[in-house]
Amino acid sequence: MIYSLLFVNNLNVSVNLIFRKFMEFYSFSTLIGVVHFFTQTIVIMIEKKLKYEDRLVHFAAETIGFCKTLPKDNVGEYYANQLIRSTGSSALHYGEAQGTNTVKDFIHKVSNVVKELKETRVAMKIIAYTKIGDSESGKKLLEEVEELIAIGARMILNKKK
């Protein structure tokens, strides 16, 4: 288990040396606890990334449903098209961010996610102000976009540290 954990992290350190040094100071049960902690931490990090992606996808899908409640006139179609593009684009940009090779590229891609979400927020506020579409659904989407922006911004700040 230790070897696979080290291999995953691409460490070029002797497994035996690490094991011997660790065992000089700690018991075997402590070692198992440490390994368990790191594997759980890795699983939690992966789940958080998937949850954000899932929220973006769900948000885009819910926005499509909301757009169907907008009037079928020029204004309704304009904002429906705008919302569909910006919400879909935010999810797609995050998909690109997950495949980046550098921190700088990741920050750039997630910045695009946040920009698209802010664009969505402004369009949602205009729709709410003009009182077109399903207002209850619009309020929920506006709350969700605020949370998604905050999460994206926090991801950027954490990567810059």
C-alpha atoms as a PDB file:
ATOM      1  CA  MET A   1       0.000   0.000   0.000  1.00  0.00           C
ATOM      2  CA  ILE A   2       2.825   2.421   0.829  1.00  0.00           C
ATOM      3  CA  TYR A   3       4.538   1.646  -2.456  1.00  0.00           C
ATOM      4  CA  SER A   4       1.407   2.369  -4.465  1.00  0.00           C
ATOM      5  CA  LEU A   5       0.803   5.615  -2.559  1.00  0.00           C
ATOM      6  CA  LEU A   6       4.356   6.768  -3.277  1.00  0.00           C
ATOM      7  CA  PHE A   7       4.158   5.629  -6.880  1.00  0.00           C
ATOM      8  CA  VAL A   8       0.968   7.626  -7.416  1.00  0.00           C
ATOM      9  CA  ASN A   9       2.703  10.757  -6.126  1.00  0.00           C
ATOM     10  CA  ASN A  10       5.796  10.100  -8.314  1.00  0.00           C
ATOM     11  CA  LEU A  11       8.205  10.257  -5.398  1.00  0.00           C
ATOM     12  CA  ASN A  12      11.695   8.964  -6.110  1.00  0.00           C
ATOM     13  CA  VAL A  13      12.431   7.881  -2.574  1.00  0.00           C
ATOM     14  CA  SER A  14      13.244   4.434  -1.301  1.00  0.00           C
ATOM     15  CA  VAL A  15      10.144   2.829   0.155  1.00  0.00           C
ATOM     16  CA  ASN A  16      12.224   0.809   2.586  1.00  0.00           C
ATOM     17  CA  LEU A  17      13.960   3.915   3.936  1.00  0.00           C
ATOM     18  CA  ILE A  18      10.674   5.700   4.508  1.00  0.00           C
ATOM     19  CA  PHE A  19       9.179   2.627   6.156  1.00  0.00           C
ATOM     20  CA  ARG A  20      12.206   2.135   8.470  1.00  0.00           C
ATOM     21  CA  LYS A  21      12.355   5.805   9.502  1.00  0.00           C
ATOM     22  CA  PHE A  22       8.636   5.917  10.171  1.00  0.00           C
ATOM     23  CA  MET A  23       8.749   2.725  12.231  1.00  0.00           C
ATOM     24  CA  GLU A  24      11.570   4.137  14.420  1.00  0.00           C
ATOM     25  CA  PHE A  25       9.136   6.672  15.830  1.00  0.00           C
ATOM     26  CA  TYR A  26       5.654   5.228  15.326  1.00  0.00           C
ATOM     27  CA  SER A  27       3.806   1.944  15.634  1.00  0.00           C
ATOM     28  CA  PHE A  28       2.456  -0.103  12.750  1.00  0.00           C
ATOM     29  CA  SER A  29      -1.119   0.877  13.642  1.00  0.00           C
ATOM     30  CA  THR A  30      -0.112   4.539  13.364  1.00  0.00           C
ATOM     31  CA  LEU A  31       1.321   3.808   9.933  1.00  0.00           C
ATOM     32  CA  ILE A  32      -1.973   2.237   8.861  1.00  0.00           C
ATOM     33  CA  GLY A  33      -3.813   5.292  10.195  1.00  0.00           C
ATOM     34  CA  VAL A  34      -1.589   7.660   8.216  1.00  0.00           C
ATOM     35  CA  VAL A  35      -2.069   5.671   5.015  1.00  0.00           C
ATOM     36  CA  HIS A  36      -5.826   5.608   5.630  1.00  0.00           C
ATOM     37  CA  PHE A  37      -5.840   9.387   6.200  1.00  0.00           C
ATOM     38  CA  PHE A  38      -4.005  10.103   2.939  1.00  0.00           C
ATOM     39  CA  THR A  39      -6.189   7.787   0.877  1.00  0.00           C
ATOM     40  CA  GLN A  40      -9.331   9.327   2.382  1.00  0.00           C
ATOM     41  CA  THR A  41      -7.983  12.823   1.670  1.00  0.00           C
ATOM     42  CA  ILE A  42      -7.357  11.904  -1.960  1.00  0.00           C
ATOM     43  CA  VAL A  43     -10.870  10.456  -2.276  1.00  0.00           C
ATOM     44  CA  ILE A  44     -12.417  13.600  -0.742  1.00  0.00           C
ATOM     45  CA  MET A  45     -10.462  15.849  -3.125  1.00  0.00           C
ATOM     46  CA  ILE A  46     -11.662  13.828  -6.123  1.00  0.00           C
ATOM     47  CA  GLU A  47     -15.271  13.893  -4.859  1.00  0.00           C
ATOM     48  CA  LYS A  48     -15.174  17.697  -4.427  1.00  0.00           C
ATOM     49  CA  LYS A  49     -13.965  18.150  -7.989  1.00  0.00           C
ATOM     50  CA  LEU A  50     -16.714  15.891  -9.277  1.00  0.00           C
ATOM     51  CA  LYS A  51     -19.322  17.621  -7.159  1.00  0.00           C
ATOM     52  CA  TYR A  52     -18.399  21.018  -8.640  1.00  0.00           C
ATOM     53  CA  GLU A  53     -18.535  19.613 -12.151  1.00  0.00           C
ATOM     54  CA  ASP A  54     -21.868  17.950 -11.399  1.00  0.00           C
ATOM     55  CA  ARG A  55     -23.244  21.199  -9.990  1.00  0.00           C
ATOM     56  CA  LEU A  56     -22.189  23.085 -13.118  1.00  0.00           C
ATOM     57  CA  VAL A  57     -23.814  20.485 -15.366  1.00  0.00           C
ATOM     58  CA  HIS A  58     -26.972  20.431 -13.248  1.00  0.00           C
ATOM     59  CA  PHE A  59     -27.055  24.239 -13.248  1.00  0.00           C
ATOM     60  CA  ALA A  60     -26.789  24.328 -17.049  1.00  0.00           C
ATOM     61  CA  ALA A  61     -29.604  21.769 -17.351  1.00  0.00           C
ATOM     62  CA  GLU A  62     -31.840  23.622 -14.875  1.00  0.00           C
ATOM     63  CA  THR A  63     -31.200  26.855 -16.763  1.00  0.00           C
ATOM     64  CA  ILE A  64     -32.406  25.236 -19.983  1.00  0.00           C
ATOM     65  CA  GLY A  65     -35.628  24.321 -18.177  1.00  0.00           C
ATOM     66  CA  PHE A  66     -35.941  27.884 -16.894  1.00  0.00           C
ATOM     67  CA  CYS A  67     -35.396  29.273 -20.399  1.00  0.00           C
ATOM     68  CA  LYS A  68     -38.447  27.363 -21.566  1.00  0.00           C
ATOM     69  CA  THR A  69     -40.556  29.569 -19.255  1.00  0.00           C
ATOM     70  CA  LEU A  70     -39.319  32.770 -20.908  1.00  0.00           C
ATOM     71  CA  PRO A  71     -41.633  34.474 -23.413  1.00  0.00           C
ATOM     72  CA  LYS A  72     -41.259  33.517 -27.066  1.00  0.00           C
ATOM     73  CA  ASP A  73     -40.594  37.107 -28.143  1.00  0.00           C
ATOM     74  CA  ASN A  74     -37.307  38.825 -29.085  1.00  0.00           C
ATOM     75  CA  VAL A  75     -36.363  39.598 -25.482  1.00  0.00           C
ATOM     76  CA  GLY A  76     -37.140  36.129 -24.156  1.00  0.00           C
ATOM     77  CA  GLU A  77     -35.276  34.407 -26.972  1.00  0.00           C
ATOM     78  CA  TYR A  78     -32.286  36.736 -26.619  1.00  0.00           C
ATOM     79  CA  TYR A  79     -31.870  36.015 -22.898  1.00  0.00           C
ATOM     80  CA  ALA A  80     -32.667  32.326 -23.293  1.00  0.00           C
ATOM     81  CA  ASN A  81     -29.910  31.967 -25.890  1.00  0.00           C
ATOM     82  CA  GLN A  82     -27.511  33.996 -23.740  1.00  0.00           C
ATOM     83  CA  LEU A  83     -28.199  31.901 -20.633  1.00  0.00           C
ATOM     84  CA  ILE A  84     -27.890  28.603 -22.459  1.00  0.00           C
ATOM     85  CA  ARG A  85     -24.543  29.634 -23.963  1.00  0.00           C
ATOM     86  CA  SER A  86     -23.037  31.019 -20.756  1.00  0.00           C
ATOM     87  CA  THR A  87     -24.136  28.199 -18.438  1.00  0.00           C
ATOM     88  CA  GLY A  88     -23.118  25.491 -20.886  1.00  0.00           C
ATOM     89  CA  SER A  89     -19.821  27.230 -21.485  1.00  0.00           C
ATOM     90  CA  SER A  90     -19.031  27.388 -17.764  1.00  0.00           C
ATOM     91  CA  ALA A  91     -19.451  23.621 -17.436  1.00  0.00           C
ATOM     92  CA  LEU A  92     -17.388  22.996 -20.567  1.00  0.00           C
ATOM     93  CA  HIS A  93     -14.587  25.298 -19.408  1.00  0.00           C
ATOM     94  CA  TYR A  94     -14.414  23.427 -16.113  1.00  0.00           C
ATOM     95  CA  GLY A  95     -14.107  20.180 -18.041  1.00  0.00           C
ATOM     96  CA  GLU A  96     -11.121  21.708 -19.842  1.00  0.00           C
ATOM     97  CA  ALA A  97      -9.651  22.882 -16.529  1.00  0.00           C
ATOM     98  CA  GLN A  98      -9.573  19.331 -15.214  1.00  0.00           C
ATOM     99  CA  GLY A  99      -7.291  18.317 -18.067  1.00  0.00           C
ATOM    100  CA  THR A 100      -4.695  21.057 -17.639  1.00  0.00           C
ATOM    101  CA  ASN A 101      -1.030  20.302 -17.035  1.00  0.00           C
ATOM    102  CA  THR A 102       0.030  23.442 -15.214  1.00  0.00           C
ATOM    103  CA  VAL A 103      -1.327  25.492 -12.339  1.00  0.00           C
ATOM    104  CA  LYS A 104      -1.261  28.611 -14.534  1.00  0.00           C
ATOM    105  CA  ASP A 105      -3.418  26.922 -17.170  1.00  0.00           C
ATOM    106  CA  PHE A 106      -5.815  25.609 -14.502  1.00  0.00           C
ATOM    107  CA  ILE A 107      -6.218  29.115 -13.063  1.00  0.00           C
ATOM    108  CA  HIS A 108      -6.853  30.501 -16.547  1.00  0.00           C
ATOM    109  CA  LYS A 109      -9.536  27.894 -17.333  1.00  0.00           C
ATOM    110  CA  VAL A 110     -11.302  28.276 -13.973  1.00  0.00           C
ATOM    111  CA  SER A 111     -11.164  32.059 -14.434  1.00  0.00           C
ATOM    112  CA  ASN A 112     -13.115  31.518 -17.655  1.00  0.00           C
ATOM    113  CA  VAL A 113     -15.647  29.470 -15.686  1.00  0.00           C
ATOM    114  CA  VAL A 114     -16.096  32.320 -13.208  1.00  0.00           C
ATOM    115  CA  LYS A 115     -16.403  34.902 -16.022  1.00  0.00           C
ATOM    116  CA  GLU A 116     -19.151  32.884 -17.692  1.00  0.00           C
ATOM    117  CA  LEU A 117     -20.951  32.451 -14.377  1.00  0.00           C
ATOM    118  CA  LYS A 118     -20.790  36.197 -13.711  1.00  0.00           C
ATOM    119  CA  GLU A 119     -22.233  36.806 -17.157  1.00  0.00           C
ATOM    120  CA  THR A 120     -25.024  34.378 -16.286  1.00  0.00           C
ATOM    121  CA  ARG A 121     -25.639  36.182 -12.994  1.00  0.00           C
ATOM    122  CA  VAL A 122     -26.101  39.536 -14.742  1.00  0.00           C
ATOM    123  CA  ALA A 123     -28.508  38.036 -17.280  1.00  0.00           C
ATOM    124  CA  MET A 124     -30.484  36.393 -14.448  1.00  0.00           C
ATOM    125  CA  LYS A 125     -30.683  39.722 -12.597  1.00  0.00           C
ATOM    126  CA  ILE A 126     -31.994  41.463 -15.718  1.00  0.00           C
ATOM    127  CA  ILE A 127     -34.622  38.746 -16.138  1.00  0.00           C
ATOM    128  CA  ALA A 128     -35.622  39.051 -12.473  1.00  0.00           C
ATOM    129  CA  TYR A 129     -35.856  42.842 -12.753  1.00  0.00           C
ATOM    130  CA  THR A 130     -38.055  42.683 -15.841  1.00  0.00           C
ATOM    131  CA  LYS A 131     -40.203  39.966 -14.228  1.00  0.00           C
ATOM    132  CA  ILE A 132     -40.203  37.587 -17.169  1.00  0.00           C
ATOM    133  CA  GLY A 133     -40.030  33.821 -16.750  1.00  0.00           C
ATOM    134  CA  ASP A 134     -40.705  31.706 -13.664  1.00  0.00           C
ATOM    135  CA  SER A 135     -39.626  33.951 -10.776  1.00  0.00           C
ATOM    136  CA  GLU A 136     -39.294  31.132  -8.215  1.00  0.00           C
ATOM    137  CA  SER A 137     -37.052  29.105 -10.471  1.00  0.00           C
ATOM    138  CA  GLY A 138     -35.093  32.246 -11.344  1.00  0.00           C
ATOM    139  CA  LYS A 139     -34.430  32.976  -7.656  1.00  0.00           C
ATOM    140  CA  LYS A 140     -33.099  29.469  -7.078  1.00  0.00           C
ATOM    141  CA  LEU A 141     -30.844  29.702 -10.120  1.00  0.00           C
ATOM    142  CA  LEU A 142     -29.567  33.090  -8.988  1.00  0.00           C
ATOM    143  CA  GLU A 143     -28.670  31.641  -5.569  1.00  0.00           C
ATOM    144  CA  GLU A 144     -26.911  28.693  -7.208  1.00  0.00           C
ATOM    145  CA  VAL A 145     -24.891  30.895  -9.559  1.00  0.00           C
ATOM    146  CA  GLU A 146     -23.688  32.950  -6.572  1.00  0.00           C
ATOM    147  CA  GLU A 147     -22.482  29.777  -4.848  1.00  0.00           C
ATOM    148  CA  LEU A 148     -20.804  28.480  -8.005  1.00  0.00           C
ATOM    149  CA  ILE A 149     -18.981  31.806  -8.468  1.00  0.00           C
ATOM    150  CA  ALA A 150     -17.766  31.699  -4.856  1.00  0.00           C
ATOM    151  CA  ILE A 151     -16.510  28.118  -5.234  1.00  0.00           C
ATOM    152  CA  GLY A 152     -14.709  28.926  -8.490  1.00  0.00           C
ATOM    153  CA  ALA A 153     -13.109  32.036  -6.998  1.00  0.00           C
ATOM    154  CA  ARG A 154     -11.958  30.032  -3.976  1.00  0.00           C
ATOM    155  CA  MET A 155     -10.420  27.395  -6.252  1.00  0.00           C
ATOM    156  CA  ILE A 156      -8.419  30.108  -8.002  1.00  0.00           C
ATOM    157  CA  LEU A 157      -7.231  31.625  -4.713  1.00  0.00           C
ATOM    158  CA  ASN A 158      -6.229  28.220  -3.359  1.00  0.00           C
ATOM    159  CA  LYS A 159      -4.169  27.456  -6.470  1.00  0.00           C
ATOM    160  CA  LYS A 160      -2.403  30.833  -6.244  1.00  0.00           C
ATOM    161  CA  LYS A 161      -1.137  30.067  -2.711  1.00  0.00           C
END
